[in-house]
Amino acid sequence: MHEASLAGGVLQLVESTAARDGFSRLLSLRIEAGQLAGVDVRALRFALDCLAPGTVLEGAQIDIEEPPGQAWCLGCAQTVEIAQRGDACPLCGGYQLQPTGGMALRVLDMQVE
């Protein structure tokens, strides 16, 4: 379950930001985990909840956005939405797709006190 190490990285990022910027409490955290990022969002949320007690994450509202995967189809020269790598183009049925979006795992913003 690599989501536990991902959650640890998120915690480390938030704690280093708290030390640098001098905030004591995190009110909310917004994360993006794209559909093509290879992240099990439920497992990530569970791991964050497990790490939260006694840290700056404790009591914070954590929202995880899941933007859809996007790809450029070489066959029909269109940007299309895909659920996973290896999917066929929903427009032409071709498999020459270059992923262009929905691949990131990143902290979008945080509200602090």
PDB file of N, CA and C in Angstrom:
ATOM      1  N   MET A   1       0.852  -1.182   0.000  1.00  0.00           N
ATOM      2  CA  MET A   1       0.000   0.000   0.000  1.00  0.00           C
ATOM      3  C   MET A   1       0.892   1.238   0.000  1.00  0.00           C
ATOM      4  N   HIS A   2       1.195   1.753  -1.187  1.00  0.00           N
ATOM      5  CA  HIS A   2       2.053   2.919  -1.273  1.00  0.00           C
ATOM      6  C   HIS A   2       1.348   4.207  -0.846  1.00  0.00           C
ATOM      7  N   GLU A   3       0.035   4.148  -0.665  1.00  0.00           N
ATOM      8  CA  GLU A   3      -0.701   5.329  -0.226  1.00  0.00           C
ATOM      9  C   GLU A   3      -0.255   5.789   1.160  1.00  0.00           C
ATOM     10  N   ALA A   4       0.214   4.845   2.008  1.00  0.00           N
ATOM     11  CA  ALA A   4       0.720   5.227   3.330  1.00  0.00           C
ATOM     12  C   ALA A   4       1.961   6.102   3.186  1.00  0.00           C
ATOM     13  N   SER A   5       2.853   5.764   2.273  1.00  0.00           N
ATOM     14  CA  SER A   5       4.041   6.600   2.074  1.00  0.00           C
ATOM     15  C   SER A   5       3.668   7.924   1.415  1.00  0.00           C
ATOM     16  N   LEU A   6       2.661   7.918   0.547  1.00  0.00           N
ATOM     17  CA  LEU A   6       2.185   9.165  -0.052  1.00  0.00           C
ATOM     18  C   LEU A   6       1.600  10.081   1.023  1.00  0.00           C
ATOM     19  N   ALA A   7       0.826   9.503   1.931  1.00  0.00           N
ATOM     20  CA  ALA A   7       0.252  10.283   3.034  1.00  0.00           C
ATOM     21  C   ALA A   7       1.359  10.844   3.913  1.00  0.00           C
ATOM     22  N   GLY A   8       2.402  10.056   4.144  1.00  0.00           N
ATOM     23  CA  GLY A   8       3.539  10.544   4.918  1.00  0.00           C
ATOM     24  C   GLY A   8       4.217  11.710   4.232  1.00  0.00           C
ATOM     25  N   GLY A   9       4.313  11.664   2.912  1.00  0.00           N
ATOM     26  CA  GLY A   9       4.885  12.782   2.158  1.00  0.00           C
ATOM     27  C   GLY A   9       4.028  14.031   2.255  1.00  0.00           C
ATOM     28  N   VAL A  10       2.707  13.864   2.203  1.00  0.00           N
ATOM     29  CA  VAL A  10       1.795  15.003   2.351  1.00  0.00           C
ATOM     30  C   VAL A  10       1.959  15.609   3.744  1.00  0.00           C
ATOM     31  N   LEU A  11       2.011  14.756   4.763  1.00  0.00           N
ATOM     32  CA  LEU A  11       2.197  15.244   6.132  1.00  0.00           C
ATOM     33  C   LEU A  11       3.511  16.000   6.257  1.00  0.00           C
ATOM     34  N   GLN A  12       4.571  15.460   5.704  1.00  0.00           N
ATOM     35  CA  GLN A  12       5.884  16.114   5.770  1.00  0.00           C
ATOM     36  C   GLN A  12       5.840  17.482   5.080  1.00  0.00           C
ATOM     37  N   LEU A  13       5.185  17.555   3.934  1.00  0.00           N
ATOM     38  CA  LEU A  13       5.054  18.822   3.220  1.00  0.00           C
ATOM     39  C   LEU A  13       4.298  19.848   4.060  1.00  0.00           C
ATOM     40  N   VAL A  14       3.181  19.429   4.658  1.00  0.00           N
ATOM     41  CA  VAL A  14       2.378  20.350   5.459  1.00  0.00           C
ATOM     42  C   VAL A  14       3.146  20.790   6.705  1.00  0.00           C
ATOM     43  N   GLU A  15       3.824  19.859   7.368  1.00  0.00           N
ATOM     44  CA  GLU A  15       4.576  20.222   8.571  1.00  0.00           C
ATOM     45  C   GLU A  15       5.760  21.136   8.254  1.00  0.00           C
ATOM     46  N   SER A  16       6.442  20.910   7.148  1.00  0.00           N
ATOM     47  CA  SER A  16       7.552  21.797   6.791  1.00  0.00           C
ATOM     48  C   SER A  16       7.033  23.184   6.415  1.00  0.00           C
ATOM     49  N   THR A  17       5.863  23.245   5.784  1.00  0.00           N
ATOM     50  CA  THR A  17       5.247  24.529   5.474  1.00  0.00           C
ATOM     51  C   THR A  17       4.826  25.245   6.756  1.00  0.00           C
ATOM     52  N   ALA A  18       4.304  24.495   7.721  1.00  0.00           N
ATOM     53  CA  ALA A  18       3.920  25.089   9.006  1.00  0.00           C
ATOM     54  C   ALA A  18       5.143  25.659   9.723  1.00  0.00           C
ATOM     55  N   ALA A  19       6.243  24.937   9.694  1.00  0.00           N
ATOM     56  CA  ALA A  19       7.470  25.418  10.340  1.00  0.00           C
ATOM     57  C   ALA A  19       7.998  26.664   9.632  1.00  0.00           C
ATOM     58  N   ARG A  20       7.946  26.659   8.315  1.00  0.00           N
ATOM     59  CA  ARG A  20       8.462  27.792   7.538  1.00  0.00           C
ATOM     60  C   ARG A  20       7.582  29.029   7.682  1.00  0.00           C
ATOM     61  N   ASP A  21       6.238  28.835   7.630  1.00  0.00           N
ATOM     62  CA  ASP A  21       5.320  29.966   7.618  1.00  0.00           C
ATOM     63  C   ASP A  21       4.753  30.307   8.988  1.00  0.00           C
ATOM     64  N   GLY A  22       5.008  29.461   9.976  1.00  0.00           N
ATOM     65  CA  GLY A  22       4.628  29.766  11.348  1.00  0.00           C
ATOM     66  C   GLY A  22       3.157  29.615  11.684  1.00  0.00           C
ATOM     67  N   PHE A  23       2.431  28.753  11.000  1.00  0.00           N
ATOM     68  CA  PHE A  23       1.046  28.527  11.411  1.00  0.00           C
ATOM     69  C   PHE A  23       0.992  27.336  12.359  1.00  0.00           C
ATOM     70  N   SER A  24      -0.010  27.368  13.232  1.00  0.00           N
ATOM     71  CA  SER A  24      -0.105  26.323  14.246  1.00  0.00           C
ATOM     72  C   SER A  24      -1.220  25.322  13.980  1.00  0.00           C
ATOM     73  N   ARG A  25      -2.149  25.691  13.115  1.00  0.00           N
ATOM     74  CA  ARG A  25      -3.298  24.821  12.895  1.00  0.00           C
ATOM     75  C   ARG A  25      -3.692  24.818  11.425  1.00  0.00           C
ATOM     76  N   LEU A  26      -3.930  23.643  10.914  1.00  0.00           N
ATOM     77  CA  LEU A  26      -4.416  23.470   9.554  1.00  0.00           C
ATOM     78  C   LEU A  26      -5.923  23.294   9.627  1.00  0.00           C
ATOM     79  N   LEU A  27      -6.659  24.178   8.964  1.00  0.00           N
ATOM     80  CA  LEU A  27      -8.115  24.091   8.970  1.00  0.00           C
ATOM     81  C   LEU A  27      -8.613  23.180   7.854  1.00  0.00           C
ATOM     82  N   SER A  28      -8.044  23.340   6.665  1.00  0.00           N
ATOM     83  CA  SER A  28      -8.455  22.491   5.549  1.00  0.00           C
ATOM     84  C   SER A  28      -7.284  22.275   4.604  1.00  0.00           C
ATOM     85  N   LEU A  29      -7.346  21.140   3.943  1.00  0.00           N
ATOM     86  CA  LEU A  29      -6.316  20.744   2.987  1.00  0.00           C
ATOM     87  C   LEU A  29      -7.030  20.200   1.767  1.00  0.00           C
ATOM     88  N   ARG A  30      -6.644  20.702   0.592  1.00  0.00           N
ATOM     89  CA  ARG A  30      -7.248  20.241  -0.656  1.00  0.00           C
ATOM     90  C   ARG A  30      -6.161  19.596  -1.498  1.00  0.00           C
ATOM     91  N   ILE A  31      -6.392  18.330  -1.854  1.00  0.00           N
ATOM     92  CA  ILE A  31      -5.432  17.523  -2.603  1.00  0.00           C
ATOM     93  C   ILE A  31      -6.062  17.114  -3.924  1.00  0.00           C
ATOM     94  N   GLU A  32      -5.239  17.034  -4.959  1.00  0.00           N
ATOM     95  CA  GLU A  32      -5.681  16.504  -6.244  1.00  0.00           C
ATOM     96  C   GLU A  32      -5.009  15.159  -6.464  1.00  0.00           C
ATOM     97  N   ALA A  33      -5.801  14.141  -6.719  1.00  0.00           N
ATOM     98  CA  ALA A  33      -5.296  12.815  -7.074  1.00  0.00           C
ATOM     99  C   ALA A  33      -5.983  12.419  -8.371  1.00  0.00           C
ATOM    100  N   GLY A  34      -5.325  12.710  -9.473  1.00  0.00           N
ATOM    101  CA  GLY A  34      -5.899  12.441 -10.790  1.00  0.00           C
ATOM    102  C   GLY A  34      -6.198  10.966 -10.992  1.00  0.00           C
ATOM    103  N   GLN A  35      -7.163  10.708 -11.828  1.00  0.00           N
ATOM    104  CA  GLN A  35      -7.611   9.340 -12.073  1.00  0.00           C
ATOM    105  C   GLN A  35      -6.506   8.468 -12.660  1.00  0.00           C
ATOM    106  N   LEU A  36      -5.518   9.082 -13.327  1.00  0.00           N
ATOM    107  CA  LEU A  36      -4.415   8.325 -13.907  1.00  0.00           C
ATOM    108  C   LEU A  36      -3.171   8.336 -13.030  1.00  0.00           C
ATOM    109  N   ALA A  37      -3.277   8.862 -11.802  1.00  0.00           N
ATOM    110  CA  ALA A  37      -2.114   8.977 -10.914  1.00  0.00           C
ATOM    111  C   ALA A  37      -1.741   7.655 -10.252  1.00  0.00           C
ATOM    112  N   GLY A  38      -2.607   6.662 -10.340  1.00  0.00           N
ATOM    113  CA  GLY A  38      -2.305   5.379  -9.722  1.00  0.00           C
ATOM    114  C   GLY A  38      -2.466   5.386  -8.212  1.00  0.00           C
ATOM    115  N   VAL A  39      -3.356   6.226  -7.717  1.00  0.00           N
ATOM    116  CA  VAL A  39      -3.578   6.363  -6.279  1.00  0.00           C
ATOM    117  C   VAL A  39      -4.975   5.860  -5.934  1.00  0.00           C
ATOM    118  N   ASP A  40      -5.046   4.997  -4.936  1.00  0.00           N
ATOM    119  CA  ASP A  40      -6.337   4.565  -4.401  1.00  0.00           C
ATOM    120  C   ASP A  40      -6.761   5.635  -3.400  1.00  0.00           C
ATOM    121  N   VAL A  41      -7.724   6.452  -3.787  1.00  0.00           N
ATOM    122  CA  VAL A  41      -8.121   7.610  -2.982  1.00  0.00           C
ATOM    123  C   VAL A  41      -8.646   7.199  -1.610  1.00  0.00           C
ATOM    124  N   ARG A  42      -9.405   6.106  -1.546  1.00  0.00           N
ATOM    125  CA  ARG A  42      -9.905   5.641  -0.238  1.00  0.00           C
ATOM    126  C   ARG A  42      -8.743   5.258   0.675  1.00  0.00           C
ATOM    127  N   ALA A  43      -7.738   4.580   0.142  1.00  0.00           N
ATOM    128  CA  ALA A  43      -6.575   4.189   0.938  1.00  0.00           C
ATOM    129  C   ALA A  43      -5.770   5.411   1.356  1.00  0.00           C
ATOM    130  N   LEU A  44      -5.648   6.403   0.485  1.00  0.00           N
ATOM    131  CA  LEU A  44      -4.938   7.637   0.832  1.00  0.00           C
ATOM    132  C   LEU A  44      -5.662   8.362   1.953  1.00  0.00           C
ATOM    133  N   ARG A  45      -6.975   8.470   1.855  1.00  0.00           N
ATOM    134  CA  ARG A  45      -7.755   9.135   2.906  1.00  0.00           C
ATOM    135  C   ARG A  45      -7.595   8.397   4.237  1.00  0.00           C
ATOM    136  N   PHE A  46      -7.650   7.063   4.189  1.00  0.00           N
ATOM    137  CA  PHE A  46      -7.472   6.260   5.398  1.00  0.00           C
ATOM    138  C   PHE A  46      -6.090   6.503   6.008  1.00  0.00           C
ATOM    139  N   ALA A  47      -5.065   6.510   5.174  1.00  0.00           N
ATOM    140  CA  ALA A  47      -3.703   6.726   5.660  1.00  0.00           C
ATOM    141  C   ALA A  47      -3.550   8.122   6.269  1.00  0.00           C
ATOM    142  N   LEU A  48      -4.142   9.123   5.644  1.00  0.00           N
ATOM    143  CA  LEU A  48      -4.085  10.484   6.200  1.00  0.00           C
ATOM    144  C   LEU A  48      -4.807  10.550   7.543  1.00  0.00           C
ATOM    145  N   ASP A  49      -5.959   9.886   7.643  1.00  0.00           N
ATOM    146  CA  ASP A  49      -6.706   9.854   8.902  1.00  0.00           C
ATOM    147  C   ASP A  49      -5.900   9.160  10.001  1.00  0.00           C
ATOM    148  N   CYS A  50      -5.170   8.115   9.641  1.00  0.00           N
ATOM    149  CA  CYS A  50      -4.355   7.396  10.624  1.00  0.00           C
ATOM    150  C   CYS A  50      -3.164   8.216  11.095  1.00  0.00           C
ATOM    151  N   LEU A  51      -2.595   9.030  10.203  1.00  0.00           N
ATOM    152  CA  LEU A  51      -1.433   9.849  10.548  1.00  0.00           C
ATOM    153  C   LEU A  51      -1.805  11.127  11.301  1.00  0.00           C
ATOM    154  N   ALA A  52      -3.045  11.572  11.180  1.00  0.00           N
ATOM    155  CA  ALA A  52      -3.461  12.880  11.677  1.00  0.00           C
ATOM    156  C   ALA A  52      -3.310  13.101  13.191  1.00  0.00           C
ATOM    157  N   PRO A  53      -3.680  12.148  14.051  1.00  0.00           N
ATOM    158  CA  PRO A  53      -3.621  12.432  15.492  1.00  0.00           C
ATOM    159  C   PRO A  53      -2.222  12.864  15.942  1.00  0.00           C
ATOM    160  N   GLY A  54      -2.196  13.989  16.655  1.00  0.00           N
ATOM    161  CA  GLY A  54      -0.941  14.510  17.181  1.00  0.00           C
ATOM    162  C   GLY A  54      -0.113  15.285  16.177  1.00  0.00           C
ATOM    163  N   THR A  55      -0.651  15.507  14.969  1.00  0.00           N
ATOM    164  CA  THR A  55       0.078  16.269  13.950  1.00  0.00           C
ATOM    165  C   THR A  55      -0.732  17.493  13.551  1.00  0.00           C
ATOM    166  N   VAL A  56      -0.165  18.291  12.680  1.00  0.00           N
ATOM    167  CA  VAL A  56      -0.857  19.482  12.190  1.00  0.00           C
ATOM    168  C   VAL A  56      -2.105  19.112  11.373  1.00  0.00           C
ATOM    169  N   LEU A  57      -2.204  17.865  10.913  1.00  0.00           N
ATOM    170  CA  LEU A  57      -3.392  17.409  10.178  1.00  0.00           C
ATOM    171  C   LEU A  57      -4.595  17.147  11.079  1.00  0.00           C
ATOM    172  N   GLU A  58      -4.361  16.987  12.364  1.00  0.00           N
ATOM    173  CA  GLU A  58      -5.441  16.634  13.284  1.00  0.00           C
ATOM    174  C   GLU A  58      -6.550  17.685  13.252  1.00  0.00           C
ATOM    175  N   GLY A  59      -7.761  17.234  12.998  1.00  0.00           N
ATOM    176  CA  GLY A  59      -8.932  18.105  12.975  1.00  0.00           C
ATOM    177  C   GLY A  59      -9.146  18.859  11.675  1.00  0.00           C
ATOM    178  N   ALA A  60      -8.248  18.722  10.730  1.00  0.00           N
ATOM    179  CA  ALA A  60      -8.379  19.442   9.464  1.00  0.00           C
ATOM    180  C   ALA A  60      -9.387  18.754   8.550  1.00  0.00           C
ATOM    181  N   GLN A  61     -10.078  19.550   7.775  1.00  0.00           N
ATOM    182  CA  GLN A  61     -10.971  19.041   6.727  1.00  0.00           C
ATOM    183  C   GLN A  61     -10.089  18.703   5.529  1.00  0.00           C
ATOM    184  N   ILE A  62     -10.105  17.453   5.102  1.00  0.00           N
ATOM    185  CA  ILE A  62      -9.270  17.034   3.976  1.00  0.00           C
ATOM    186  C   ILE A  62     -10.180  16.670   2.810  1.00  0.00           C
ATOM    187  N   ASP A  63     -10.020  17.403   1.714  1.00  0.00           N
ATOM    188  CA  ASP A  63     -10.786  17.154   0.499  1.00  0.00           C
ATOM    189  C   ASP A  63      -9.834  16.638  -0.570  1.00  0.00           C
ATOM    190  N   ILE A  64     -10.230  15.552  -1.225  1.00  0.00           N
ATOM    191  CA  ILE A  64      -9.418  14.978  -2.281  1.00  0.00           C
ATOM    192  C   ILE A  64     -10.221  15.027  -3.582  1.00  0.00           C
ATOM    193  N   GLU A  65      -9.741  15.825  -4.517  1.00  0.00           N
ATOM    194  CA  GLU A  65     -10.385  15.937  -5.817  1.00  0.00           C
ATOM    195  C   GLU A  65      -9.800  14.871  -6.744  1.00  0.00           C
ATOM    196  N   GLU A  66     -10.652  14.325  -7.595  1.00  0.00           N
ATOM    197  CA  GLU A  66     -10.244  13.265  -8.520  1.00  0.00           C
ATOM    198  C   GLU A  66     -10.565  13.668  -9.962  1.00  0.00           C
ATOM    199  N   PRO A  67      -9.723  14.521 -10.566  1.00  0.00           N
ATOM    200  CA  PRO A  67     -10.014  14.896 -11.950  1.00  0.00           C
ATOM    201  C   PRO A  67      -9.864  13.697 -12.880  1.00  0.00           C
ATOM    202  N   PRO A  68     -10.670  13.663 -13.930  1.00  0.00           N
ATOM    203  CA  PRO A  68     -10.608  12.531 -14.858  1.00  0.00           C
ATOM    204  C   PRO A  68      -9.311  12.531 -15.651  1.00  0.00           C
ATOM    205  N   GLY A  69      -8.980  11.362 -16.161  1.00  0.00           N
ATOM    206  CA  GLY A  69      -7.831  11.253 -17.046  1.00  0.00           C
ATOM    207  C   GLY A  69      -8.159  11.845 -18.401  1.00  0.00           C
ATOM    208  N   GLN A  70      -7.172  12.479 -18.999  1.00  0.00           N
ATOM    209  CA  GLN A  70      -7.335  13.031 -20.336  1.00  0.00           C
ATOM    210  C   GLN A  70      -6.178  12.567 -21.199  1.00  0.00           C
ATOM    211  N   ALA A  71      -6.445  12.435 -22.478  1.00  0.00           N
ATOM    212  CA  ALA A  71      -5.402  12.017 -23.403  1.00  0.00           C
ATOM    213  C   ALA A  71      -5.636  12.653 -24.763  1.00  0.00           C
ATOM    214  N   TRP A  72      -4.529  12.787 -25.489  1.00  0.00           N
ATOM    215  CA  TRP A  72      -4.595  13.254 -26.863  1.00  0.00           C
ATOM    216  C   TRP A  72      -4.592  12.027 -27.755  1.00  0.00           C
ATOM    217  N   CYS A  73      -5.596  11.909 -28.603  1.00  0.00           N
ATOM    218  CA  CYS A  73      -5.692  10.780 -29.520  1.00  0.00           C
ATOM    219  C   CYS A  73      -4.996  11.148 -30.831  1.00  0.00           C
ATOM    220  N   LEU A  74      -3.983  10.372 -31.174  1.00  0.00           N
ATOM    221  CA  LEU A  74      -3.262  10.618 -32.424  1.00  0.00           C
ATOM    222  C   LEU A  74      -4.119  10.265 -33.637  1.00  0.00           C
ATOM    223  N   GLY A  75      -5.027   9.324 -33.452  1.00  0.00           N
ATOM    224  CA  GLY A  75      -5.871   8.879 -34.562  1.00  0.00           C
ATOM    225  C   GLY A  75      -6.895   9.903 -35.002  1.00  0.00           C
ATOM    226  N   CYS A  76      -7.574  10.518 -34.047  1.00  0.00           N
ATOM    227  CA  CYS A  76      -8.626  11.473 -34.416  1.00  0.00           C
ATOM    228  C   CYS A  76      -8.273  12.914 -34.044  1.00  0.00           C
ATOM    229  N   ALA A  77      -7.071  13.116 -33.514  1.00  0.00           N
ATOM    230  CA  ALA A  77      -6.570  14.457 -33.183  1.00  0.00           C
ATOM    231  C   ALA A  77      -7.527  15.216 -32.258  1.00  0.00           C
ATOM    232  N   GLN A  78      -7.972  14.529 -31.205  1.00  0.00           N
ATOM    233  CA  GLN A  78      -8.878  15.127 -30.225  1.00  0.00           C
ATOM    234  C   GLN A  78      -8.390  14.839 -28.817  1.00  0.00           C
ATOM    235  N   THR A  79      -8.705  15.723 -27.897  1.00  0.00           N
ATOM    236  CA  THR A  79      -8.494  15.454 -26.485  1.00  0.00           C
ATOM    237  C   THR A  79      -9.714  14.708 -25.984  1.00  0.00           C
ATOM    238  N   VAL A  80      -9.482  13.567 -25.338  1.00  0.00           N
ATOM    239  CA  VAL A  80     -10.588  12.728 -24.869  1.00  0.00           C
ATOM    240  C   VAL A  80     -10.394  12.389 -23.400  1.00  0.00           C
ATOM    241  N   GLU A  81     -11.480  12.030 -22.750  1.00  0.00           N
ATOM    242  CA  GLU A  81     -11.447  11.597 -21.351  1.00  0.00           C
ATOM    243  C   GLU A  81     -11.287  10.077 -21.318  1.00  0.00           C
ATOM    244  N   ILE A  82     -10.368   9.603 -20.462  1.00  0.00           N
ATOM    245  CA  ILE A  82     -10.169   8.162 -20.301  1.00  0.00           C
ATOM    246  C   ILE A  82     -10.170   7.829 -18.811  1.00  0.00           C
ATOM    247  N   ALA A  83     -10.615   6.626 -18.494  1.00  0.00           N
ATOM    248  CA  ALA A  83     -10.682   6.197 -17.099  1.00  0.00           C
ATOM    249  C   ALA A  83      -9.368   5.605 -16.617  1.00  0.00           C
ATOM    250  N   GLN A  84      -8.629   4.976 -17.535  1.00  0.00           N
ATOM    251  CA  GLN A  84      -7.354   4.380 -17.152  1.00  0.00           C
ATOM    252  C   GLN A  84      -6.452   4.273 -18.369  1.00  0.00           C
ATOM    253  N   ARG A  85      -5.161   4.154 -18.098  1.00  0.00           N
ATOM    254  CA  ARG A  85      -4.204   3.964 -19.188  1.00  0.00           C
ATOM    255  C   ARG A  85      -4.536   2.669 -19.908  1.00  0.00           C
ATOM    256  N   GLY A  86      -4.368   2.662 -21.197  1.00  0.00           N
ATOM    257  CA  GLY A  86      -4.675   1.478 -21.984  1.00  0.00           C
ATOM    258  C   GLY A  86      -6.088   1.454 -22.539  1.00  0.00           C
ATOM    259  N   ASP A  87      -6.919   2.409 -22.121  1.00  0.00           N
ATOM    260  CA  ASP A  87      -8.268   2.495 -22.675  1.00  0.00           C
ATOM    261  C   ASP A  87      -8.202   2.904 -24.143  1.00  0.00           C
ATOM    262  N   ALA A  88      -9.214   2.516 -24.893  1.00  0.00           N
ATOM    263  CA  ALA A  88      -9.346   2.952 -26.280  1.00  0.00           C
ATOM    264  C   ALA A  88      -9.943   4.353 -26.318  1.00  0.00           C
ATOM    265  N   CYS A  89      -9.701   5.043 -27.398  1.00  0.00           N
ATOM    266  CA  CYS A  89     -10.302   6.354 -27.608  1.00  0.00           C
ATOM    267  C   CYS A  89     -11.825   6.179 -27.698  1.00  0.00           C
ATOM    268  N   PRO A  90     -12.578   6.949 -26.916  1.00  0.00           N
ATOM    269  CA  PRO A  90     -14.033   6.813 -26.966  1.00  0.00           C
ATOM    270  C   PRO A  90     -14.641   7.349 -28.268  1.00  0.00           C
ATOM    271  N   LEU A  91     -13.855   8.093 -29.042  1.00  0.00           N
ATOM    272  CA  LEU A  91     -14.371   8.649 -30.290  1.00  0.00           C
ATOM    273  C   LEU A  91     -14.096   7.749 -31.500  1.00  0.00           C
ATOM    274  N   CYS A  92     -12.845   7.269 -31.625  1.00  0.00           N
ATOM    275  CA  CYS A  92     -12.494   6.498 -32.827  1.00  0.00           C
ATOM    276  C   CYS A  92     -12.142   5.037 -32.529  1.00  0.00           C
ATOM    277  N   GLY A  93     -11.993   4.682 -31.258  1.00  0.00           N
ATOM    278  CA  GLY A  93     -11.667   3.308 -30.901  1.00  0.00           C
ATOM    279  C   GLY A  93     -10.197   2.968 -30.989  1.00  0.00           C
ATOM    280  N   GLY A  94      -9.367   3.928 -31.378  1.00  0.00           N
ATOM    281  CA  GLY A  94      -7.928   3.699 -31.502  1.00  0.00           C
ATOM    282  C   GLY A  94      -7.225   3.661 -30.153  1.00  0.00           C
ATOM    283  N   TYR A  95      -6.017   3.127 -30.175  1.00  0.00           N
ATOM    284  CA  TYR A  95      -5.237   2.998 -28.940  1.00  0.00           C
ATOM    285  C   TYR A  95      -3.987   3.870 -28.931  1.00  0.00           C
ATOM    286  N   GLN A  96      -3.880   4.795 -29.859  1.00  0.00           N
ATOM    287  CA  GLN A  96      -2.732   5.690 -29.891  1.00  0.00           C
ATOM    288  C   GLN A  96      -3.054   6.941 -29.084  1.00  0.00           C
ATOM    289  N   LEU A  97      -3.036   6.779 -27.761  1.00  0.00           N
ATOM    290  CA  LEU A  97      -3.386   7.872 -26.858  1.00  0.00           C
ATOM    291  C   LEU A  97      -2.172   8.300 -26.056  1.00  0.00           C
ATOM    292  N   GLN A  98      -1.990   9.599 -25.936  1.00  0.00           N
ATOM    293  CA  GLN A  98      -0.925  10.176 -25.123  1.00  0.00           C
ATOM    294  C   GLN A  98      -1.586  10.872 -23.937  1.00  0.00           C
ATOM    295  N   PRO A  99      -1.432  10.332 -22.701  1.00  0.00           N
ATOM    296  CA  PRO A  99      -2.044  10.980 -21.542  1.00  0.00           C
ATOM    297  C   PRO A  99      -1.559  12.428 -21.388  1.00  0.00           C
ATOM    298  N   THR A 100      -2.498  13.322 -21.110  1.00  0.00           N
ATOM    299  CA  THR A 100      -2.179  14.737 -20.969  1.00  0.00           C
ATOM    300  C   THR A 100      -2.697  15.347 -19.672  1.00  0.00           C
ATOM    301  N   GLY A 101      -3.557  14.658 -18.948  1.00  0.00           N
ATOM    302  CA  GLY A 101      -4.109  15.225 -17.723  1.00  0.00           C
ATOM    303  C   GLY A 101      -4.641  14.156 -16.798  1.00  0.00           C
ATOM    304  N   GLY A 102      -4.830  14.533 -15.542  1.00  0.00           N
ATOM    305  CA  GLY A 102      -5.345  13.597 -14.551  1.00  0.00           C
ATOM    306  C   GLY A 102      -4.290  12.638 -14.037  1.00  0.00           C
ATOM    307  N   MET A 103      -3.005  13.034 -14.138  1.00  0.00           N
ATOM    308  CA  MET A 103      -1.909  12.156 -13.730  1.00  0.00           C
ATOM    309  C   MET A 103      -1.237  12.617 -12.432  1.00  0.00           C
ATOM    310  N   ALA A 104      -1.646  13.746 -11.898  1.00  0.00           N
ATOM    311  CA  ALA A 104      -0.934  14.360 -10.780  1.00  0.00           C
ATOM    312  C   ALA A 104      -1.501  13.962  -9.413  1.00  0.00           C
ATOM    313  N   LEU A 105      -0.588  13.929  -8.463  1.00  0.00           N
ATOM    314  CA  LEU A 105      -0.950  13.895  -7.040  1.00  0.00           C
ATOM    315  C   LEU A 105      -0.266  15.106  -6.448  1.00  0.00           C
ATOM    316  N   ARG A 106      -1.048  16.069  -5.990  1.00  0.00           N
ATOM    317  CA  ARG A 106      -0.459  17.296  -5.468  1.00  0.00           C
ATOM    318  C   ARG A 106      -1.377  17.978  -4.465  1.00  0.00           C
ATOM    319  N   VAL A 107      -0.771  18.764  -3.617  1.00  0.00           N
ATOM    320  CA  VAL A 107      -1.513  19.608  -2.673  1.00  0.00           C
ATOM    321  C   VAL A 107      -1.896  20.863  -3.447  1.00  0.00           C
ATOM    322  N   LEU A 108      -3.182  21.128  -3.511  1.00  0.00           N
ATOM    323  CA  LEU A 108      -3.658  22.305  -4.233  1.00  0.00           C
ATOM    324  C   LEU A 108      -3.621  23.554  -3.367  1.00  0.00           C
ATOM    325  N   ASP A 109      -4.153  23.436  -2.165  1.00  0.00           N
ATOM    326  CA  ASP A 109      -4.129  24.577  -1.247  1.00  0.00           C
ATOM    327  C   ASP A 109      -4.452  24.114   0.167  1.00  0.00           C
ATOM    328  N   MET A 110      -4.176  24.998   1.099  1.00  0.00           N
ATOM    329  CA  MET A 110      -4.509  24.741   2.495  1.00  0.00           C
ATOM    330  C   MET A 110      -4.935  26.039   3.150  1.00  0.00           C
ATOM    331  N   GLN A 111      -5.869  25.895   4.065  1.00  0.00           N
ATOM    332  CA  GLN A 111      -6.331  27.023   4.860  1.00  0.00           C
ATOM    333  C   GLN A 111      -5.770  26.811   6.262  1.00  0.00           C
ATOM    334  N   VAL A 112      -5.107  27.835   6.771  1.00  0.00           N
ATOM    335  CA  VAL A 112      -4.410  27.705   8.047  1.00  0.00           C
ATOM    336  C   VAL A 112      -4.847  28.773   9.035  1.00  0.00           C
ATOM    337  N   GLU A 113      -4.439  28.561  10.253  1.00  0.00           N
ATOM    338  CA  GLU A 113      -4.755  29.511  11.325  1.00  0.00           C
ATOM    339  C   GLU A 113      -3.493  29.782  12.105  1.00  0.00           C
TER     340      GLU A 113
END
